């Protein structure tokens, strides 16, 4: 859970920026968007397989050997 402590002499906009950075770093927004709607297990599996294939294609284009 992201939380910040705001000092009395700190500018509010600066504190909000700090909070946004912390939330982005922890991946809270990304996780929320991912869980916003139900996704069937088969859809999750297909998405992961597609991402893996894309990663392999990218590696093969660079000429790196697969280990």
Protein backbone atom coordinates (compact mmCIF):
# COMPACT_ATOMS: atom_id res chain seq x y z
CA UNK A 1 0.00 0.00 0.00
CA UNK A 2 1.45 3.32 -1.05
CA UNK A 3 1.37 6.16 1.42
CA UNK A 4 3.41 9.29 1.98
CA UNK A 5 3.91 11.62 4.90
CA UNK A 6 3.39 15.28 4.05
CA UNK A 7 5.41 17.80 6.03
CA UNK A 8 3.81 21.04 7.20
CA UNK A 9 6.05 23.17 5.00
CA UNK A 10 5.85 20.92 1.91
CA UNK A 11 3.98 22.10 -1.18
CA UNK A 12 0.90 19.96 -1.85
CA UNK A 13 1.65 19.59 -5.58
CA UNK A 14 5.09 18.19 -4.76
CA UNK A 15 3.55 15.66 -2.36
CA UNK A 16 1.03 14.59 -5.01
CA UNK A 17 3.85 14.12 -7.53
CA UNK A 18 5.73 11.99 -5.01
CA UNK A 19 2.62 9.90 -4.39
CA UNK A 20 2.01 9.39 -8.12
CA UNK A 21 5.61 8.29 -8.63
CA UNK A 22 5.34 5.81 -5.77
CA UNK A 23 2.06 4.37 -7.09
CA UNK A 24 3.53 4.00 -10.57
CA UNK A 25 6.68 2.36 -9.21
CA UNK A 26 4.66 -0.20 -7.25
CA UNK A 27 2.46 -0.93 -10.31
CA UNK A 28 -0.82 -0.32 -8.52
CA UNK A 29 -2.58 1.35 -11.47
CA UNK A 30 -1.40 -1.34 -13.90
CA UNK A 31 -2.64 -4.06 -11.55
CA UNK A 32 -6.00 -2.30 -11.12
CA UNK A 33 -6.54 -2.04 -14.87
CA UNK A 34 -5.60 -5.68 -15.30
CA UNK A 35 -8.14 -6.80 -12.67
CA UNK A 36 -10.87 -4.34 -13.62
CA UNK A 37 -12.75 -6.98 -15.62
CA UNK A 38 -12.85 -10.76 -15.30
CA UNK A 39 -10.62 -12.53 -17.74
CA UNK A 40 -11.10 -16.21 -18.46
CA UNK A 41 -8.14 -18.46 -17.62
CA UNK A 42 -7.89 -19.56 -21.25
CA UNK A 43 -7.64 -15.92 -22.36
CA UNK A 44 -4.87 -15.29 -19.84
CA UNK A 45 -2.99 -18.35 -21.10
CA UNK A 46 -3.38 -17.29 -24.74
CA UNK A 47 -2.13 -13.78 -23.93
CA UNK A 48 0.93 -15.16 -22.14
CA UNK A 49 1.72 -17.56 -24.99
CA UNK A 50 1.40 -14.75 -27.52
CA UNK A 51 3.74 -12.54 -25.49
CA UNK A 52 6.26 -15.39 -25.21
CA UNK A 53 6.16 -15.99 -28.98
CA UNK A 54 6.64 -12.26 -29.58
CA UNK A 55 9.64 -12.28 -27.25
CA UNK A 56 11.19 -15.25 -29.07
CA UNK A 57 10.67 -13.58 -32.46
CA UNK A 58 12.32 -10.41 -31.21
CA UNK A 59 15.30 -12.41 -29.91
CA UNK A 60 15.67 -14.31 -33.18
CA UNK A 61 15.66 -11.07 -35.20
CA UNK A 62 18.53 -9.73 -33.16
CA UNK A 63 20.59 -12.80 -33.98
CA UNK A 64 21.05 -13.89 -30.40
CA UNK A 65 21.18 -17.61 -29.78
CA UNK A 66 18.37 -19.06 -27.66
CA UNK A 67 19.51 -20.65 -24.43
